[in-house]
Protein backbone atom coordinates (compact mmCIF):
# COMPACT_ATOMS: atom_id res chain seq x y z
CA MET A 1 0.24 -0.30 0.46
CA SER A 2 1.48 2.90 -1.39
CA ALA A 3 1.80 6.31 1.51
CA THR A 4 -0.35 8.75 1.75
CA ARG A 5 -0.30 12.69 0.61
CA SER A 6 0.41 13.41 4.61
CA GLU A 7 2.37 10.55 5.16
CA VAL A 8 4.84 11.73 2.61
CA ILE A 9 4.80 14.92 3.27
CA ASP A 10 5.59 13.94 7.01
CA ALA A 11 8.27 12.16 5.67
CA PHE A 12 9.40 14.89 3.86
CA GLU A 13 9.86 17.58 6.83
CA ARG A 14 11.63 14.41 8.98
CA HIS A 15 14.10 14.62 5.55
CA LEU A 16 14.80 18.28 6.23
CA ARG A 17 15.51 18.34 9.73
CA ALA A 18 17.75 14.95 10.10
CA GLU A 19 19.26 14.57 6.45
CA ARG A 20 19.42 18.11 5.42
CA SER A 21 19.92 19.96 8.32
CA ARG A 22 17.77 22.56 7.47
CA SER A 23 16.87 25.62 10.30
CA GLU A 24 13.58 25.87 12.18
CA HIS A 25 12.40 28.36 10.32
CA THR A 26 13.09 27.02 6.59
CA VAL A 27 11.07 23.60 7.46
CA ARG A 28 8.46 25.87 8.54
CA ALA A 29 8.68 27.62 5.22
CA TYR A 30 8.56 24.86 3.25
CA LEU A 31 5.93 23.40 5.17
CA GLY A 32 3.90 26.04 5.18
CA ASP A 33 4.47 26.60 1.13
CA LEU A 34 3.18 22.74 0.47
CA ARG A 35 -0.42 23.29 2.49
CA ASP A 36 -0.60 26.58 0.74
CA PHE A 37 0.11 24.60 -2.94
CA PHE A 38 -2.15 21.38 -1.84
CA ALA A 39 -5.28 23.28 -0.38
CA HIS A 40 -5.24 25.40 -3.98
CA LEU A 41 -4.92 22.43 -5.29
CA ASP A 42 -7.89 20.22 -3.58
CA GLY A 43 -10.23 23.27 -3.93
CA GLU A 44 -13.16 23.99 -2.23
CA GLY A 45 -13.86 20.46 -1.75
CA GLY A 46 -11.17 19.22 0.30
CA GLU A 47 -10.53 16.14 -1.36
CA ALA A 48 -6.79 15.45 -1.39
CA THR A 49 -5.08 15.29 -4.99
CA PRO A 50 -2.91 12.53 -5.13
CA LEU A 51 0.71 13.26 -5.31
CA GLU A 52 0.83 11.33 -8.83
CA SER A 53 -1.53 13.61 -10.52
CA VAL A 54 -0.18 16.63 -9.79
CA ARG A 55 1.44 18.08 -13.23
CA LEU A 56 3.22 21.35 -14.34
CA ALA A 57 0.13 23.01 -15.30
CA ASP A 58 -1.19 23.37 -12.01
CA LEU A 59 2.64 24.56 -10.24
CA ARG A 60 2.44 26.69 -12.84
CA ALA A 61 -1.11 27.84 -11.75
CA TRP A 62 -0.46 28.44 -8.22
CA LEU A 63 2.21 30.39 -8.80
CA GLY A 64 0.25 32.59 -11.14
CA ASP A 65 -2.86 33.00 -8.83
CA LEU A 66 -0.45 34.24 -6.13
CA ALA A 67 1.33 36.77 -8.49
CA ALA A 68 -2.28 37.60 -9.20
CA ARG A 69 -2.46 38.42 -5.81
CA GLY A 70 0.41 40.86 -5.80
CA ALA A 71 3.32 38.19 -4.20
CA ALA A 72 6.39 40.06 -4.47
CA ARG A 73 9.61 38.21 -6.71
CA SER A 74 10.93 36.98 -3.99
CA THR A 75 8.23 35.36 -2.20
CA LEU A 76 7.28 33.34 -5.77
CA GLY A 77 11.38 32.53 -5.90
CA ARG A 78 11.07 30.63 -2.19
CA ARG A 79 7.65 28.86 -3.01
CA SER A 80 8.99 27.72 -6.39
CA ALA A 81 12.09 26.40 -4.43
CA SER A 82 9.82 24.74 -1.69
CA LEU A 83 8.19 22.77 -4.65
CA ARG A 84 10.98 21.95 -7.02
CA THR A 85 13.16 20.61 -3.77
CA PHE A 86 9.62 18.63 -2.61
CA PHE A 87 9.05 16.75 -5.82
CA ALA A 88 12.64 16.25 -6.58
CA TRP A 89 12.54 14.21 -2.91
CA ALA A 90 9.33 12.69 -3.87
CA THR A 91 10.41 11.31 -7.30
CA ARG A 92 13.80 10.19 -5.47
CA GLN A 93 11.86 8.49 -3.00
CA GLY A 94 9.83 6.77 -5.61
CA HIS A 95 6.25 8.44 -4.59
CA VAL A 96 5.39 9.88 -7.87
CA PRO A 97 6.89 8.58 -11.16
CA THR A 98 7.94 11.65 -12.73
CA ASP A 99 9.08 15.25 -11.28
CA PRO A 100 6.32 17.72 -12.04
CA ALA A 101 8.51 20.66 -10.82
CA LEU A 102 11.56 19.65 -12.89
CA ARG A 103 10.92 22.41 -15.40
CA LEU A 104 9.27 25.22 -13.15
CA VAL A 105 11.27 28.21 -13.82
CA ALA A 106 11.76 30.63 -10.57
CA PRO A 107 10.65 34.30 -11.42
CA ARG A 108 14.08 36.47 -11.55
CA LYS A 109 14.76 38.53 -8.30
CA HIS A 110 15.39 42.00 -8.47
CA ARG A 111 18.89 42.40 -7.21
CA THR A 112 18.29 45.21 -4.67
CA LEU A 113 21.29 46.18 -2.75
CA PRO A 114 21.50 46.19 1.15
CA ALA A 115 21.11 48.91 3.12
CA VAL A 116 24.91 49.53 4.93
CA LEU A 117 26.19 51.79 7.51
CA ALA A 118 28.92 54.65 6.36
CA ARG A 119 32.06 54.14 8.33
CA GLN A 120 31.50 57.10 10.31
CA ASP A 121 28.11 55.65 11.32
CA ALA A 122 29.36 52.28 12.01
CA ALA A 123 32.17 53.73 14.18
CA GLN A 124 29.12 56.33 16.00
CA LEU A 125 26.95 53.07 16.48
CA LEU A 126 29.61 51.47 18.58
CA ASP A 127 30.44 54.70 20.06
CA VAL A 128 26.89 54.95 21.40
CA ALA A 129 26.76 51.07 22.85
CA ALA A 130 30.21 52.23 24.21
CA VAL A 131 28.35 55.34 26.28
CA ALA A 132 25.49 53.11 27.36
CA ALA A 133 27.75 50.55 28.82
CA ASP A 134 29.11 52.98 31.05
CA ASP A 135 26.52 52.75 33.58
CA ASP A 136 27.72 49.43 34.32
CA ASP A 137 24.04 47.71 33.85
CA PRO A 138 25.33 43.82 32.56
CA VAL A 139 22.48 44.22 30.03
CA HIS A 140 24.27 47.42 28.24
CA LEU A 141 27.49 45.58 28.65
CA ARG A 142 26.39 42.68 26.81
CA ASP A 143 24.34 45.04 23.72
CA ARG A 144 27.83 46.87 23.31
CA ALA A 145 29.40 43.35 23.09
CA VAL A 146 27.15 42.13 21.00
CA LEU A 147 27.27 45.10 18.72
CA GLU A 148 30.88 44.59 18.27
CA LEU A 149 31.10 41.24 17.62
CA LEU A 150 28.46 41.35 14.93
CA TYR A 151 30.35 44.53 12.96
CA ALA A 152 33.81 42.92 13.47
CA THR A 153 33.04 39.13 12.12
CA GLY A 154 29.74 39.56 9.86
CA ILE A 155 28.68 35.95 11.35
CA ARG A 156 24.75 35.55 11.14
CA VAL A 157 22.08 37.19 14.03
CA GLY A 158 21.09 33.19 14.62
CA GLU A 159 25.36 32.12 14.49
CA LEU A 160 25.92 34.66 17.05
CA THR A 161 22.77 33.68 19.51
CA GLY A 162 24.55 30.13 18.94
CA LEU A 163 27.87 30.81 20.57
CA ASP A 164 29.20 29.36 23.68
CA VAL A 165 31.62 30.92 26.11
CA ASP A 166 34.15 28.22 24.74
CA ASP A 167 33.43 29.30 20.92
CA VAL A 168 35.36 32.54 21.65
CA ASP A 169 39.12 32.38 21.54
CA LEU A 170 40.42 35.82 23.31
CA HIS A 171 43.90 35.02 22.97
CA ALA A 172 43.84 33.88 19.05
CA ASP A 173 40.68 37.00 18.55
CA VAL A 174 39.09 33.96 17.06
CA VAL A 175 34.99 33.17 17.21
CA ARG A 176 34.27 29.21 16.12
CA VAL A 177 31.10 29.30 14.16
CA ILE A 178 28.86 26.87 13.28
CA GLY A 179 26.82 28.21 10.08
CA LYS A 180 24.33 26.67 7.62
CA GLY A 181 24.26 23.27 7.37
CA ASP A 182 26.16 22.24 10.39
CA LYS A 183 29.61 23.95 8.60
CA GLU A 184 31.86 25.15 10.65
CA ARG A 185 34.17 28.10 10.51
CA ARG A 186 36.69 30.49 12.43
CA VAL A 187 36.32 34.05 12.18
CA PRO A 188 38.87 36.65 13.26
CA PHE A 189 37.92 40.23 15.15
CA GLY A 190 39.77 42.76 16.02
CA ALA A 191 41.05 44.86 19.46
CA PRO A 192 37.76 46.50 20.01
CA ALA A 193 35.70 43.29 19.94
CA ARG A 194 37.80 41.74 22.22
CA ALA A 195 38.16 44.46 24.90
CA ALA A 196 34.18 44.33 24.66
CA VAL A 197 33.70 40.95 25.36
CA GLN A 198 36.18 40.73 27.78
CA GLU A 199 34.25 42.94 29.69
CA TRP A 200 31.51 41.39 29.36
CA LEU A 201 32.79 37.79 30.62
CA ALA A 202 34.77 39.53 33.52
CA ARG A 203 31.86 42.59 34.50
CA ALA A 204 28.46 40.79 33.22
CA ARG A 205 28.00 37.69 32.66
CA PRO A 206 28.74 36.42 36.10
CA ARG A 207 25.87 39.23 37.46
CA LEU A 208 23.25 37.45 34.94
CA ALA A 209 23.88 33.89 34.85
CA THR A 210 21.60 31.00 36.40
CA GLU A 211 20.97 27.23 36.38
CA ARG A 212 19.55 27.76 32.86
CA SER A 213 22.69 29.75 31.74
CA GLY A 214 24.44 27.12 30.81
CA PRO A 215 27.34 27.45 28.27
CA ALA A 216 25.67 30.72 26.43
CA LEU A 217 28.24 33.49 25.50
CA PHE A 218 25.10 36.00 25.59
CA LEU A 219 22.21 36.23 28.36
CA GLY A 220 19.12 37.79 28.42
CA ARG A 221 18.41 39.62 31.74
CA ARG A 222 16.54 36.68 33.61
CA GLY A 223 20.08 34.25 32.46
CA GLY A 224 18.66 32.39 29.40
CA ARG A 225 20.60 32.28 25.80
CA ILE A 226 19.90 35.69 24.58
CA ASP A 227 17.46 34.96 21.28
CA PRO A 228 17.58 36.49 17.38
CA ARG A 229 14.59 38.85 18.34
CA GLN A 230 16.48 40.41 21.65
CA VAL A 231 19.73 41.23 19.23
CA ARG A 232 17.29 42.62 16.48
CA SER A 233 15.97 45.22 18.71
CA VAL A 234 18.76 46.00 20.72
CA VAL A 235 20.98 46.73 17.29
CA HIS A 236 17.74 49.08 15.62
CA ALA A 237 17.56 50.73 19.34
CA MET A 238 21.09 51.36 19.24
CA VAL A 239 20.59 52.66 15.49
CA SER A 240 17.91 55.26 16.16
CA HIS A 241 20.70 57.02 17.97
CA VAL A 242 22.69 57.69 15.09
CA PRO A 243 21.68 60.29 13.06
CA ASP A 244 21.05 60.43 9.38
CA ALA A 245 21.77 55.79 9.34
CA PRO A 246 19.24 53.84 7.59
CA ASP A 247 17.22 51.99 9.62
CA LEU A 248 18.87 48.17 9.97
CA GLY A 249 19.23 45.39 11.74
CA PRO A 250 21.79 42.40 12.67
CA HIS A 251 21.87 41.65 8.71
CA GLY A 252 22.62 44.96 8.15
CA LEU A 253 26.18 44.92 9.86
CA ARG A 254 26.39 41.95 8.09
CA HIS A 255 26.15 43.91 4.88
CA SER A 256 28.09 46.96 6.47
CA ALA A 257 31.11 44.22 7.55
CA ALA A 258 31.28 43.09 3.90
CA THR A 259 30.88 46.06 2.35
CA HIS A 260 33.59 47.94 4.70
CA LEU A 261 36.14 45.19 4.34
CA LEU A 262 35.90 44.91 0.56
CA GLU A 263 36.21 48.49 0.73
CA GLY A 264 39.35 48.42 2.63
CA GLY A 265 41.11 46.12 0.12
CA ALA A 266 39.83 42.61 1.13
CA ASP A 267 39.96 39.58 -1.21
CA LEU A 268 36.69 38.72 -2.43
CA ARG A 269 37.47 34.79 -1.71
CA MET A 270 38.05 36.15 2.13
CA VAL A 271 34.99 38.19 2.83
CA GLN A 272 33.23 34.70 1.19
CA GLU A 273 34.75 32.62 3.30
CA LEU A 274 34.45 35.34 6.39
CA LEU A 275 30.66 34.92 5.90
CA GLY A 276 30.29 31.63 5.45
CA HIS A 277 28.73 31.85 1.77
CA ALA A 278 28.46 28.48 -0.21
CA SER A 279 28.49 30.49 -3.30
CA LEU A 280 31.05 33.27 -4.12
CA SER A 281 28.08 35.08 -6.30
CA THR A 282 26.14 35.61 -3.06
CA THR A 283 29.44 37.06 -1.90
CA GLN A 284 29.55 39.42 -5.16
CA LEU A 285 26.25 41.24 -4.80
CA TYR A 286 28.73 43.60 -1.97
CA THR A 287 30.87 44.37 -4.77
CA HIS A 288 28.39 46.23 -6.08
CA VAL A 289 27.74 48.12 -2.94
CA SER A 290 31.06 49.45 -2.83
CA ILE A 291 31.43 50.53 -6.33
CA GLU A 292 28.96 53.02 -5.51
CA ARG A 293 31.02 53.95 -2.59
CA LEU A 294 34.31 53.84 -4.08
CA ALA A 295 34.82 57.25 -3.17
CA ALA A 296 34.25 56.81 0.75
CA SER A 297 36.91 54.03 0.73
CA TYR A 298 39.64 53.59 3.50
CA ALA A 299 43.02 52.24 2.95
CA GLN A 300 42.21 49.88 5.86
CA ALA A 301 40.36 46.39 5.47
CA HIS A 302 38.35 46.60 8.46
CA PRO A 303 38.00 49.96 10.53
CA ARG A 304 38.06 48.43 13.78
CA ALA A 305 40.44 45.49 13.05
């Protein structure tokens, strides 16, 4: 007896988690896209359409309906990717005889340049964090260390919140990061980030640590591991104190770090390695930012190295 559609989707979810090591966010997005597609395919009757009866025209019709309702190109691209990933896997597993998504083409995304801070704005942002930390509040000392480390390394917010104390080597000025796909890389940082992290570890973290803190490097006020939402709030709040700076979050600091490194003469492949990009084409986006702001380039590769 062949598996039901629901059973196949459950197996696909297990595949994403166990074999592909996808993040919780990615798994939710894939499954949500599949549920939306099959709800559209089943129509008002609600009868589950068999997987083997799905055709390319059905996939295109769903995407066309989304486009007609105003879905962004980036949304259509992601949903196309969800369908292609699912049906390619289902074909390999023998759940469908042929892959209906094999010729499904995603709409080309507009290449938009990410918002970045000017170097002087980045320096002012970190000055704001340093002044706020002068009150010796452990959370303010943490916020300063968070901002310094984000900008110094260009790591993702999820990578930052996943750091443990032992992941930071304050003698070698290197942080060990577990990135997408559980890939490990080591990223250097400069003296200002080292000083901020040292101060956090020596003077602030012990005051927040509780039994539930475990090895987490950065903690919330109640002692638990800090989460990405808290970090985003911190970055937005601090950036708001920098006049005329674009409103950006942790990923904006990542963009800024990459741009400033390239403007300072860093090799593109070195930046790719630091950021943990699987493809060089992803890193090349930052070269367009640099060209537009070439007049503001500085001699050093990183302003806080």
